[in-house]
Amino acid sequence: MTSITRHTKAGTIIGQIKQHCETYFGIPYAYPPINERRFKHAELKTTWSEPLHADQFKAIPPQHFNTIDAFYSQHPE
């Protein structure tokens, strides 16, 4: 894998090249829903000032394992 840097209108993105294919992971499309943005519609993130490291996925927020069947089930798991 080789790193690649692209300069865009939104800012600099650092990705990777693998088998002649450029990949970029975890590019944010909106600001995080925290503080004054909590419980509101997503606000588009159009620029960033620091280079965005998009060469791997970011951490996934913890989520409880749940399926719709288990949610509506009458039987305890």
N, C-alpha and C. Protein backbone atom coordinates (compact mmCIF):
# COMPACT_ATOMS: atom_id res chain seq x y z
N MET A 1 0.83 -1.18 0.00
CA MET A 1 0.00 0.00 0.00
C MET A 1 0.88 1.25 0.00
N THR A 2 0.45 2.23 -0.75
CA THR A 2 1.16 3.49 -0.85
C THR A 2 0.20 4.61 -0.51
N SER A 3 0.68 5.60 0.23
CA SER A 3 -0.15 6.76 0.56
C SER A 3 -0.27 7.67 -0.65
N ILE A 4 -1.41 8.35 -0.73
CA ILE A 4 -1.63 9.34 -1.79
C ILE A 4 -2.30 10.55 -1.15
N THR A 5 -1.91 11.72 -1.58
CA THR A 5 -2.48 12.97 -1.08
C THR A 5 -3.16 13.68 -2.23
N ARG A 6 -4.41 14.07 -2.01
CA ARG A 6 -5.18 14.82 -3.01
C ARG A 6 -5.62 16.14 -2.38
N HIS A 7 -5.51 17.21 -3.16
CA HIS A 7 -5.96 18.52 -2.71
C HIS A 7 -7.29 18.81 -3.40
N THR A 8 -8.33 19.02 -2.62
CA THR A 8 -9.67 19.26 -3.15
C THR A 8 -10.17 20.63 -2.71
N LYS A 9 -11.32 21.03 -3.21
CA LYS A 9 -11.93 22.30 -2.77
C LYS A 9 -12.25 22.27 -1.29
N ALA A 10 -12.55 21.10 -0.76
CA ALA A 10 -12.91 20.96 0.66
C ALA A 10 -11.69 20.96 1.56
N GLY A 11 -10.56 20.50 1.06
CA GLY A 11 -9.34 20.41 1.85
C GLY A 11 -8.49 19.25 1.35
N THR A 12 -7.41 19.00 2.06
CA THR A 12 -6.48 17.94 1.69
C THR A 12 -6.94 16.60 2.25
N ILE A 13 -6.90 15.56 1.41
CA ILE A 13 -7.29 14.21 1.82
C ILE A 13 -6.10 13.27 1.59
N ILE A 14 -5.81 12.46 2.59
CA ILE A 14 -4.75 11.47 2.48
C ILE A 14 -5.40 10.10 2.43
N GLY A 15 -5.17 9.38 1.34
CA GLY A 15 -5.73 8.05 1.17
C GLY A 15 -4.64 7.04 0.90
N GLN A 16 -5.00 5.98 0.21
CA GLN A 16 -4.01 4.95 -0.10
C GLN A 16 -4.27 4.40 -1.50
N ILE A 17 -3.22 3.86 -2.09
CA ILE A 17 -3.33 3.19 -3.39
C ILE A 17 -3.01 1.73 -3.17
N LYS A 18 -3.89 0.87 -3.65
CA LYS A 18 -3.67 -0.57 -3.58
C LYS A 18 -4.13 -1.16 -4.90
N GLN A 19 -3.25 -1.84 -5.57
CA GLN A 19 -3.53 -2.46 -6.87
C GLN A 19 -4.10 -1.43 -7.87
N HIS A 20 -3.44 -0.29 -7.96
CA HIS A 20 -3.78 0.77 -8.90
C HIS A 20 -5.15 1.41 -8.63
N CYS A 21 -5.66 1.27 -7.43
CA CYS A 21 -6.96 1.82 -7.08
C CYS A 21 -6.81 2.75 -5.87
N GLU A 22 -7.25 3.99 -6.01
CA GLU A 22 -7.20 4.94 -4.90
C GLU A 22 -8.39 4.68 -3.99
N THR A 23 -8.12 4.60 -2.68
CA THR A 23 -9.22 4.41 -1.72
C THR A 23 -9.14 5.46 -0.63
N TYR A 24 -10.31 5.90 -0.20
CA TYR A 24 -10.45 6.90 0.86
C TYR A 24 -11.56 6.43 1.80
N PHE A 25 -11.26 6.29 3.06
CA PHE A 25 -12.22 5.76 4.03
C PHE A 25 -12.61 6.83 5.05
N GLY A 26 -13.86 6.84 5.42
CA GLY A 26 -14.32 7.68 6.52
C GLY A 26 -14.33 9.16 6.24
N ILE A 27 -14.58 9.57 5.00
CA ILE A 27 -14.68 11.00 4.72
C ILE A 27 -16.02 11.48 5.28
N PRO A 28 -16.00 12.44 6.20
CA PRO A 28 -17.25 12.87 6.83
C PRO A 28 -18.12 13.69 5.87
N TYR A 29 -19.41 13.43 5.90
CA TYR A 29 -20.34 14.22 5.08
C TYR A 29 -21.06 15.27 5.92
N ALA A 30 -20.98 15.13 7.25
CA ALA A 30 -21.68 16.07 8.13
C ALA A 30 -20.88 16.25 9.42
N TYR A 31 -21.18 17.34 10.12
CA TYR A 31 -20.56 17.57 11.43
C TYR A 31 -21.15 16.57 12.44
N PRO A 32 -20.39 16.20 13.47
CA PRO A 32 -20.91 15.26 14.47
C PRO A 32 -22.13 15.86 15.19
N PRO A 33 -23.12 15.05 15.53
CA PRO A 33 -24.33 15.55 16.20
C PRO A 33 -24.12 15.70 17.71
N ILE A 34 -23.26 16.63 18.09
CA ILE A 34 -22.99 16.88 19.51
C ILE A 34 -23.30 18.32 19.85
N ASN A 35 -23.45 18.59 21.15
CA ASN A 35 -23.74 19.92 21.68
C ASN A 35 -24.96 20.54 21.00
N GLU A 36 -24.80 21.71 20.38
CA GLU A 36 -25.96 22.41 19.80
C GLU A 36 -26.53 21.70 18.57
N ARG A 37 -25.81 20.75 18.00
CA ARG A 37 -26.31 20.01 16.83
C ARG A 37 -27.09 18.75 17.21
N ARG A 38 -27.12 18.42 18.49
CA ARG A 38 -27.79 17.20 18.93
C ARG A 38 -29.29 17.28 18.65
N PHE A 39 -29.86 16.22 18.14
CA PHE A 39 -31.29 16.09 17.82
C PHE A 39 -31.73 17.06 16.73
N LYS A 40 -30.81 17.46 15.88
CA LYS A 40 -31.16 18.32 14.75
C LYS A 40 -30.75 17.62 13.46
N HIS A 41 -31.20 18.14 12.34
CA HIS A 41 -30.82 17.59 11.04
C HIS A 41 -29.32 17.70 10.85
N ALA A 42 -28.77 16.79 10.07
CA ALA A 42 -27.33 16.81 9.78
C ALA A 42 -26.96 18.12 9.09
N GLU A 43 -25.81 18.66 9.50
CA GLU A 43 -25.30 19.88 8.90
C GLU A 43 -24.11 19.51 8.02
N LEU A 44 -24.20 19.80 6.74
CA LEU A 44 -23.20 19.43 5.76
C LEU A 44 -21.82 19.98 6.12
N LYS A 45 -20.82 19.14 6.07
CA LYS A 45 -19.44 19.56 6.31
C LYS A 45 -18.78 19.73 4.95
N THR A 46 -18.51 20.97 4.57
CA THR A 46 -18.02 21.24 3.22
C THR A 46 -16.52 21.49 3.15
N THR A 47 -15.88 21.82 4.28
CA THR A 47 -14.44 22.07 4.28
C THR A 47 -13.82 21.60 5.58
N TRP A 48 -12.51 21.42 5.55
CA TRP A 48 -11.74 21.13 6.76
C TRP A 48 -10.38 21.80 6.59
N SER A 49 -9.78 22.21 7.71
CA SER A 49 -8.54 22.96 7.64
C SER A 49 -7.29 22.07 7.70
N GLU A 50 -7.33 21.01 8.47
CA GLU A 50 -6.20 20.09 8.60
C GLU A 50 -6.35 18.96 7.56
N PRO A 51 -5.24 18.37 7.13
CA PRO A 51 -5.35 17.22 6.21
C PRO A 51 -6.19 16.11 6.83
N LEU A 52 -7.08 15.55 6.04
CA LEU A 52 -7.97 14.49 6.51
C LEU A 52 -7.34 13.14 6.19
N HIS A 53 -7.02 12.39 7.23
CA HIS A 53 -6.43 11.06 7.05
C HIS A 53 -7.56 10.06 6.79
N ALA A 54 -7.73 9.70 5.53
CA ALA A 54 -8.80 8.80 5.12
C ALA A 54 -8.21 7.49 4.60
N ASP A 55 -7.12 7.05 5.23
CA ASP A 55 -6.46 5.83 4.78
C ASP A 55 -6.94 4.58 5.51
N GLN A 56 -7.83 4.76 6.49
CA GLN A 56 -8.45 3.63 7.19
C GLN A 56 -9.75 4.10 7.82
N PHE A 57 -10.65 3.16 8.10
CA PHE A 57 -11.91 3.51 8.73
C PHE A 57 -11.66 3.98 10.16
N LYS A 58 -12.51 4.87 10.63
CA LYS A 58 -12.43 5.37 12.01
C LYS A 58 -13.14 4.38 12.92
N ALA A 59 -13.05 4.64 14.23
CA ALA A 59 -13.70 3.78 15.22
C ALA A 59 -15.22 3.81 15.04
N ILE A 60 -15.85 2.68 15.23
CA ILE A 60 -17.31 2.58 15.13
C ILE A 60 -17.89 2.79 16.52
N PRO A 61 -18.91 3.64 16.66
CA PRO A 61 -19.52 3.84 17.97
C PRO A 61 -20.10 2.53 18.50
N PRO A 62 -20.05 2.31 19.80
CA PRO A 62 -20.61 1.07 20.35
C PRO A 62 -22.11 1.00 20.09
N GLN A 63 -22.57 -0.17 19.68
CA GLN A 63 -23.98 -0.36 19.41
C GLN A 63 -24.40 -1.71 19.97
N HIS A 64 -25.54 -1.71 20.60
CA HIS A 64 -26.07 -2.95 21.15
C HIS A 64 -26.54 -3.83 20.01
N PHE A 65 -26.16 -5.10 20.04
CA PHE A 65 -26.63 -6.04 19.02
C PHE A 65 -28.13 -6.22 19.19
N ASN A 66 -28.87 -5.98 18.15
CA ASN A 66 -30.31 -6.09 18.22
C ASN A 66 -30.85 -6.30 16.80
N THR A 67 -31.73 -7.23 16.67
CA THR A 67 -32.40 -7.41 15.38
C THR A 67 -33.87 -7.06 15.58
N ILE A 68 -34.55 -6.79 14.53
CA ILE A 68 -35.96 -6.46 14.63
C ILE A 68 -36.76 -7.63 15.19
N ASP A 69 -36.34 -8.86 14.85
CA ASP A 69 -37.03 -10.04 15.37
C ASP A 69 -36.86 -10.13 16.89
N ALA A 70 -35.65 -9.88 17.37
CA ALA A 70 -35.41 -9.93 18.82
C ALA A 70 -36.15 -8.81 19.53
N PHE A 71 -36.26 -7.66 18.89
CA PHE A 71 -36.93 -6.52 19.50
C PHE A 71 -38.41 -6.82 19.75
N TYR A 72 -39.05 -7.45 18.77
CA TYR A 72 -40.49 -7.74 18.89
C TYR A 72 -40.77 -9.14 19.41
N SER A 73 -39.76 -9.90 19.76
CA SER A 73 -39.94 -11.26 20.19
C SER A 73 -40.61 -11.33 21.58
N GLN A 74 -41.40 -12.38 21.77
CA GLN A 74 -42.03 -12.62 23.06
C GLN A 74 -41.14 -13.52 23.93
N HIS A 75 -40.04 -14.03 23.34
CA HIS A 75 -39.16 -14.95 24.05
C HIS A 75 -37.88 -14.23 24.48
N PRO A 76 -37.50 -14.37 25.73
CA PRO A 76 -36.25 -13.74 26.16
C PRO A 76 -35.06 -14.42 25.49
N GLU A 77 -34.02 -13.65 25.22
CA GLU A 77 -32.83 -14.22 24.58
C GLU A 77 -31.94 -14.90 25.59
